């Protein structure tokens, strides 16, 4: 597999690999979305693969410990 876009994939058949989870991407953007506070609330990290047109979301839920 090549280390440059399109990473060994056939551009004539882009629909077979573009946007799929196994598509490789070297350029990423990461966005943050959160609510309430740093201690209690939700936190989402949104990963955008620019070369492969993929998206990944990681959600974290924080709660104050209680007895």
PDB file of N, CA and C in Angstrom:
ATOM      1  N   UNK A   1       0.837  -1.173   0.000  1.00  0.00           N
ATOM      2  CA  UNK A   1       0.000   0.000   0.000  1.00  0.00           C
ATOM      3  C   UNK A   1       0.886   1.240   0.000  1.00  0.00           C
ATOM      4  N   UNK A   2       0.542   2.208  -0.796  1.00  0.00           N
ATOM      5  CA  UNK A   2       1.293   3.451  -0.924  1.00  0.00           C
ATOM      6  C   UNK A   2       1.056   4.358   0.284  1.00  0.00           C
ATOM      7  N   UNK A   3       2.000   5.268   0.552  1.00  0.00           N
ATOM      8  CA  UNK A   3       1.867   6.200   1.663  1.00  0.00           C
ATOM      9  C   UNK A   3       1.343   7.559   1.234  1.00  0.00           C
ATOM     10  N   UNK A   4       0.903   7.696  -0.019  1.00  0.00           N
ATOM     11  CA  UNK A   4       0.317   8.940  -0.492  1.00  0.00           C
ATOM     12  C   UNK A   4      -1.076   8.665  -1.040  1.00  0.00           C
ATOM     13  N   UNK A   5      -1.884   9.702  -1.049  1.00  0.00           N
ATOM     14  CA  UNK A   5      -3.257   9.550  -1.535  1.00  0.00           C
ATOM     15  C   UNK A   5      -3.256   9.095  -2.984  1.00  0.00           C
ATOM     16  N   UNK A   6      -4.018   8.151  -3.373  1.00  0.00           N
ATOM     17  CA  UNK A   6      -5.127   7.462  -2.729  1.00  0.00           C
ATOM     18  C   UNK A   6      -4.728   6.172  -2.008  1.00  0.00           C
ATOM     19  N   UNK A   7      -3.490   6.060  -1.563  1.00  0.00           N
ATOM     20  CA  UNK A   7      -3.020   4.951  -0.724  1.00  0.00           C
ATOM     21  C   UNK A   7      -3.222   3.586  -1.362  1.00  0.00           C
ATOM     22  N   UNK A   8      -2.956   3.492  -2.656  1.00  0.00           N
ATOM     23  CA  UNK A   8      -3.053   2.220  -3.361  1.00  0.00           C
ATOM     24  C   UNK A   8      -4.449   1.853  -3.803  1.00  0.00           C
ATOM     25  N   UNK A   9      -5.426   2.691  -3.535  1.00  0.00           N
ATOM     26  CA  UNK A   9      -6.807   2.433  -3.953  1.00  0.00           C
ATOM     27  C   UNK A   9      -7.033   2.953  -5.365  1.00  0.00           C
ATOM     28  N   UNK A  10      -7.954   2.331  -6.069  1.00  0.00           N
ATOM     29  CA  UNK A  10      -8.278   2.701  -7.442  1.00  0.00           C
ATOM     30  C   UNK A  10      -9.260   3.871  -7.451  1.00  0.00           C
ATOM     31  N   UNK A  11      -8.840   5.024  -8.004  1.00  0.00           N
ATOM     32  CA  UNK A  11      -9.723   6.189  -8.048  1.00  0.00           C
ATOM     33  C   UNK A  11     -10.923   5.977  -8.968  1.00  0.00           C
ATOM     34  N   UNK A  12     -10.814   5.063  -9.935  1.00  0.00           N
ATOM     35  CA  UNK A  12     -11.941   4.780 -10.818  1.00  0.00           C
ATOM     36  C   UNK A  12     -13.055   4.023 -10.107  1.00  0.00           C
ATOM     37  N   UNK A  13     -12.733   3.415  -8.974  1.00  0.00           N
ATOM     38  CA  UNK A  13     -13.727   2.685  -8.180  1.00  0.00           C
ATOM     39  C   UNK A  13     -13.754   3.230  -6.753  1.00  0.00           C
ATOM     40  N   UNK A  14     -13.786   4.553  -6.633  1.00  0.00           N
ATOM     41  CA  UNK A  14     -13.729   5.205  -5.324  1.00  0.00           C
ATOM     42  C   UNK A  14     -14.895   4.826  -4.419  1.00  0.00           C
ATOM     43  N   UNK A  15     -16.049   4.518  -5.005  1.00  0.00           N
ATOM     44  CA  UNK A  15     -17.208   4.164  -4.177  1.00  0.00           C
ATOM     45  C   UNK A  15     -16.992   2.869  -3.405  1.00  0.00           C
ATOM     46  N   UNK A  16     -16.021   2.063  -3.808  1.00  0.00           N
ATOM     47  CA  UNK A  16     -15.765   0.798  -3.107  1.00  0.00           C
ATOM     48  C   UNK A  16     -14.906   0.990  -1.855  1.00  0.00           C
ATOM     49  N   UNK A  17     -14.257   2.159  -1.688  1.00  0.00           N
ATOM     50  CA  UNK A  17     -13.401   2.354  -0.505  1.00  0.00           C
ATOM     51  C   UNK A  17     -13.584   3.712   0.162  1.00  0.00           C
ATOM     52  N   UNK A  18     -14.038   4.730  -0.554  1.00  0.00           N
ATOM     53  CA  UNK A  18     -14.172   6.067   0.002  1.00  0.00           C
ATOM     54  C   UNK A  18     -15.282   6.114   1.039  1.00  0.00           C
ATOM     55  N   UNK A  19     -14.967   6.620   2.222  1.00  0.00           N
ATOM     56  CA  UNK A  19     -15.944   6.711   3.293  1.00  0.00           C
ATOM     57  C   UNK A  19     -16.065   5.469   4.149  1.00  0.00           C
ATOM     58  N   UNK A  20     -15.346   4.420   3.820  1.00  0.00           N
ATOM     59  CA  UNK A  20     -15.401   3.189   4.608  1.00  0.00           C
ATOM     60  C   UNK A  20     -14.453   3.285   5.802  1.00  0.00           C
ATOM     61  N   UNK A  21     -14.734   2.529   6.850  1.00  0.00           N
ATOM     62  CA  UNK A  21     -13.937   2.599   8.072  1.00  0.00           C
ATOM     63  C   UNK A  21     -12.501   2.137   7.877  1.00  0.00           C
ATOM     64  N   UNK A  22     -12.241   1.293   6.902  1.00  0.00           N
ATOM     65  CA  UNK A  22     -10.881   0.799   6.686  1.00  0.00           C
ATOM     66  C   UNK A  22     -10.091   1.665   5.706  1.00  0.00           C
ATOM     67  N   UNK A  23     -10.662   2.784   5.243  1.00  0.00           N
ATOM     68  CA  UNK A  23      -9.962   3.690   4.322  1.00  0.00           C
ATOM     69  C   UNK A  23      -8.941   4.514   5.109  1.00  0.00           C
ATOM     70  N   UNK A  24      -7.734   4.584   4.598  1.00  0.00           N
ATOM     71  CA  UNK A  24      -6.643   5.280   5.276  1.00  0.00           C
ATOM     72  C   UNK A  24      -6.723   6.784   5.006  1.00  0.00           C
ATOM     73  N   UNK A  25      -6.322   7.593   5.990  1.00  0.00           N
ATOM     74  CA  UNK A  25      -6.301   9.042   5.836  1.00  0.00           C
ATOM     75  C   UNK A  25      -5.117   9.605   6.616  1.00  0.00           C
ATOM     76  N   UNK A  26      -4.345  10.467   5.982  1.00  0.00           N
ATOM     77  CA  UNK A  26      -3.225  11.125   6.669  1.00  0.00           C
ATOM     78  C   UNK A  26      -3.617  12.474   7.246  1.00  0.00           C
ATOM     79  N   UNK A  27      -4.633  13.101   6.704  1.00  0.00           N
ATOM     80  CA  UNK A  27      -5.069  14.422   7.156  1.00  0.00           C
ATOM     81  C   UNK A  27      -6.356  14.308   7.953  1.00  0.00           C
ATOM     82  N   UNK A  28      -6.303  14.760   9.199  1.00  0.00           N
ATOM     83  CA  UNK A  28      -7.443  14.676  10.094  1.00  0.00           C
ATOM     84  C   UNK A  28      -7.739  16.029  10.704  1.00  0.00           C
ATOM     85  N   UNK A  29      -8.974  16.280  11.003  1.00  0.00           N
ATOM     86  CA  UNK A  29      -9.398  17.424  11.798  1.00  0.00           C
ATOM     87  C   UNK A  29     -10.127  16.853  13.000  1.00  0.00           C
ATOM     88  N   UNK A  30      -9.868  17.439  14.152  1.00  0.00           N
ATOM     89  CA  UNK A  30     -10.525  16.995  15.378  1.00  0.00           C
ATOM     90  C   UNK A  30     -11.272  18.188  15.962  1.00  0.00           C
ATOM     91  N   UNK A  31     -12.546  17.991  16.224  1.00  0.00           N
ATOM     92  CA  UNK A  31     -13.386  19.028  16.806  1.00  0.00           C
ATOM     93  C   UNK A  31     -13.872  18.561  18.168  1.00  0.00           C
ATOM     94  N   UNK A  32     -14.064  19.530  19.053  1.00  0.00           N
ATOM     95  CA  UNK A  32     -14.534  19.230  20.412  1.00  0.00           C
ATOM     96  C   UNK A  32     -15.889  19.874  20.621  1.00  0.00           C
ATOM     97  N   UNK A  33     -16.764  19.144  21.269  1.00  0.00           N
ATOM     98  CA  UNK A  33     -18.072  19.657  21.666  1.00  0.00           C
ATOM     99  C   UNK A  33     -18.319  19.194  23.088  1.00  0.00           C
ATOM    100  N   UNK A  34     -18.636  20.099  23.968  1.00  0.00           N
ATOM    101  CA  UNK A  34     -18.855  19.721  25.364  1.00  0.00           C
ATOM    102  C   UNK A  34     -19.951  20.549  25.985  1.00  0.00           C
ATOM    103  N   UNK A  35     -20.436  20.057  27.110  1.00  0.00           N
ATOM    104  CA  UNK A  35     -21.504  20.766  27.782  1.00  0.00           C
ATOM    105  C   UNK A  35     -21.327  20.762  29.279  1.00  0.00           C
ATOM    106  N   UNK A  36     -22.044  21.658  29.921  1.00  0.00           N
ATOM    107  CA  UNK A  36     -22.053  21.862  31.368  1.00  0.00           C
ATOM    108  C   UNK A  36     -20.684  22.294  31.863  1.00  0.00           C
ATOM    109  N   UNK A  37     -19.914  21.414  32.430  1.00  0.00           N
ATOM    110  CA  UNK A  37     -18.612  21.802  32.975  1.00  0.00           C
ATOM    111  C   UNK A  37     -17.577  20.731  32.672  1.00  0.00           C
ATOM    112  N   UNK A  38     -16.356  20.985  33.085  1.00  0.00           N
ATOM    113  CA  UNK A  38     -15.294  20.005  32.871  1.00  0.00           C
ATOM    114  C   UNK A  38     -15.455  18.782  33.760  1.00  0.00           C
ATOM    115  N   UNK A  39     -16.118  18.940  34.886  1.00  0.00           N
ATOM    116  CA  UNK A  39     -16.250  17.822  35.831  1.00  0.00           C
ATOM    117  C   UNK A  39     -17.503  17.005  35.541  1.00  0.00           C
ATOM    118  N   UNK A  40     -18.596  17.683  35.321  1.00  0.00           N
ATOM    119  CA  UNK A  40     -19.871  16.984  35.130  1.00  0.00           C
ATOM    120  C   UNK A  40     -20.449  17.414  33.795  1.00  0.00           C
ATOM    121  N   UNK A  41     -20.659  16.502  32.918  1.00  0.00           N
ATOM    122  CA  UNK A  41     -21.237  16.838  31.622  1.00  0.00           C
ATOM    123  C   UNK A  41     -20.814  15.859  30.553  1.00  0.00           C
ATOM    124  N   UNK A  42     -20.970  16.263  29.326  1.00  0.00           N
ATOM    125  CA  UNK A  42     -20.594  15.392  28.210  1.00  0.00           C
ATOM    126  C   UNK A  42     -19.460  16.038  27.432  1.00  0.00           C
ATOM    127  N   UNK A  43     -18.676  15.213  26.814  1.00  0.00           N
ATOM    128  CA  UNK A  43     -17.565  15.671  25.998  1.00  0.00           C
ATOM    129  C   UNK A  43     -17.525  14.797  24.746  1.00  0.00           C
ATOM    130  N   UNK A  44     -17.526  15.417  23.592  1.00  0.00           N
ATOM    131  CA  UNK A  44     -17.480  14.684  22.332  1.00  0.00           C
ATOM    132  C   UNK A  44     -16.287  15.157  21.517  1.00  0.00           C
ATOM    133  N   UNK A  45     -15.539  14.206  20.995  1.00  0.00           N
ATOM    134  CA  UNK A  45     -14.451  14.491  20.070  1.00  0.00           C
ATOM    135  C   UNK A  45     -14.859  13.933  18.722  1.00  0.00           C
ATOM    136  N   UNK A  46     -14.871  14.788  17.724  1.00  0.00           N
ATOM    137  CA  UNK A  46     -15.303  14.407  16.385  1.00  0.00           C
ATOM    138  C   UNK A  46     -14.071  14.395  15.487  1.00  0.00           C
ATOM    139  N   UNK A  47     -13.759  13.231  14.928  1.00  0.00           N
ATOM    140  CA  UNK A  47     -12.586  13.049  14.072  1.00  0.00           C
ATOM    141  C   UNK A  47     -13.041  12.982  12.616  1.00  0.00           C
ATOM    142  N   UNK A  48     -12.492  13.868  11.781  1.00  0.00           N
ATOM    143  CA  UNK A  48     -12.846  13.894  10.368  1.00  0.00           C
ATOM    144  C   UNK A  48     -11.627  13.524   9.530  1.00  0.00           C
ATOM    145  N   UNK A  49     -11.707  12.404   8.810  1.00  0.00           N
ATOM    146  CA  UNK A  49     -10.643  11.990   7.905  1.00  0.00           C
ATOM    147  C   UNK A  49     -10.822  12.683   6.569  1.00  0.00           C
ATOM    148  N   UNK A  50      -9.953  13.629   6.261  1.00  0.00           N
ATOM    149  CA  UNK A  50     -10.134  14.442   5.060  1.00  0.00           C
ATOM    150  C   UNK A  50      -9.819  13.686   3.781  1.00  0.00           C
ATOM    151  N   UNK A  51      -8.856  12.774   3.812  1.00  0.00           N
ATOM    152  CA  UNK A  51      -8.497  12.021   2.607  1.00  0.00           C
ATOM    153  C   UNK A  51      -9.505  10.926   2.294  1.00  0.00           C
ATOM    154  N   UNK A  52     -10.041  10.303   3.320  1.00  0.00           N
ATOM    155  CA  UNK A  52     -10.922   9.153   3.118  1.00  0.00           C
ATOM    156  C   UNK A  52     -12.398   9.483   3.308  1.00  0.00           C
ATOM    157  N   UNK A  53     -12.700  10.728   3.671  1.00  0.00           N
ATOM    158  CA  UNK A  53     -14.080  11.159   3.916  1.00  0.00           C
ATOM    159  C   UNK A  53     -14.760  10.285   4.969  1.00  0.00           C
ATOM    160  N   UNK A  54     -14.046  10.005   6.047  1.00  0.00           N
ATOM    161  CA  UNK A  54     -14.607   9.225   7.141  1.00  0.00           C
ATOM    162  C   UNK A  54     -14.809  10.115   8.355  1.00  0.00           C
ATOM    163  N   UNK A  55     -15.650   9.663   9.267  1.00  0.00           N
ATOM    164  CA  UNK A  55     -15.916  10.405  10.500  1.00  0.00           C
ATOM    165  C   UNK A  55     -15.954   9.417  11.655  1.00  0.00           C
ATOM    166  N   UNK A  56     -15.414   9.845  12.780  1.00  0.00           N
ATOM    167  CA  UNK A  56     -15.459   9.055  13.998  1.00  0.00           C
ATOM    168  C   UNK A  56     -15.812   9.953  15.160  1.00  0.00           C
ATOM    169  N   UNK A  57     -16.615   9.452  16.079  1.00  0.00           N
ATOM    170  CA  UNK A  57     -17.051  10.251  17.221  1.00  0.00           C
ATOM    171  C   UNK A  57     -16.763   9.472  18.495  1.00  0.00           C
ATOM    172  N   UNK A  58     -16.107  10.144  19.443  1.00  0.00           N
ATOM    173  CA  UNK A  58     -15.860   9.558  20.758  1.00  0.00           C
ATOM    174  C   UNK A  58     -16.601  10.405  21.782  1.00  0.00           C
ATOM    175  N   UNK A  59     -17.537   9.793  22.498  1.00  0.00           N
ATOM    176  CA  UNK A  59     -18.310  10.490  23.519  1.00  0.00           C
ATOM    177  C   UNK A  59     -17.829  10.060  24.892  1.00  0.00           C
ATOM    178  N   UNK A  60     -17.605  11.038  25.746  1.00  0.00           N
ATOM    179  CA  UNK A  60     -17.231  10.784  27.129  1.00  0.00           C
ATOM    180  C   UNK A  60     -18.250  11.420  28.031  1.00  0.00           C
ATOM    181  N   UNK A  61     -18.737  10.664  29.004  1.00  0.00           N
ATOM    182  CA  UNK A  61     -19.691  11.196  29.971  1.00  0.00           C
ATOM    183  C   UNK A  61     -19.016  11.233  31.323  1.00  0.00           C
ATOM    184  N   UNK A  62     -18.993  12.401  31.944  1.00  0.00           N
ATOM    185  CA  UNK A  62     -18.359  12.557  33.249  1.00  0.00           C
ATOM    186  C   UNK A  62     -19.451  12.788  34.288  1.00  0.00           C
ATOM    187  N   UNK A  63     -19.282  12.150  35.431  1.00  0.00           N
ATOM    188  CA  UNK A  63     -20.231  12.313  36.531  1.00  0.00           C
ATOM    189  C   UNK A  63     -19.438  12.523  37.805  1.00  0.00           C
ATOM    190  N   UNK A  64     -20.041  13.280  38.698  1.00  0.00           N
ATOM    191  CA  UNK A  64     -19.413  13.489  40.005  1.00  0.00           C
ATOM    192  C   UNK A  64     -19.617  12.217  40.828  1.00  0.00           C
ATOM    193  N   UNK A  65     -18.552  11.668  41.400  1.00  0.00           N
ATOM    194  CA  UNK A  65     -18.707  10.461  42.221  1.00  0.00           C
ATOM    195  C   UNK A  65     -19.586  10.733  43.431  1.00  0.00           C
ATOM    196  N   UNK A  66     -20.408   9.784  43.757  1.00  0.00           N
ATOM    197  CA  UNK A  66     -21.274   9.922  44.937  1.00  0.00           C
ATOM    198  C   UNK A  66     -21.145   8.702  45.821  1.00  0.00           C
ATOM    199  N   UNK A  67     -21.416   8.878  47.068  1.00  0.00           N
ATOM    200  CA  UNK A  67     -21.350   7.756  48.037  1.00  0.00           C
ATOM    201  C   UNK A  67     -22.696   7.136  48.259  1.00  0.00           C
TER     202      UNK A  67
END
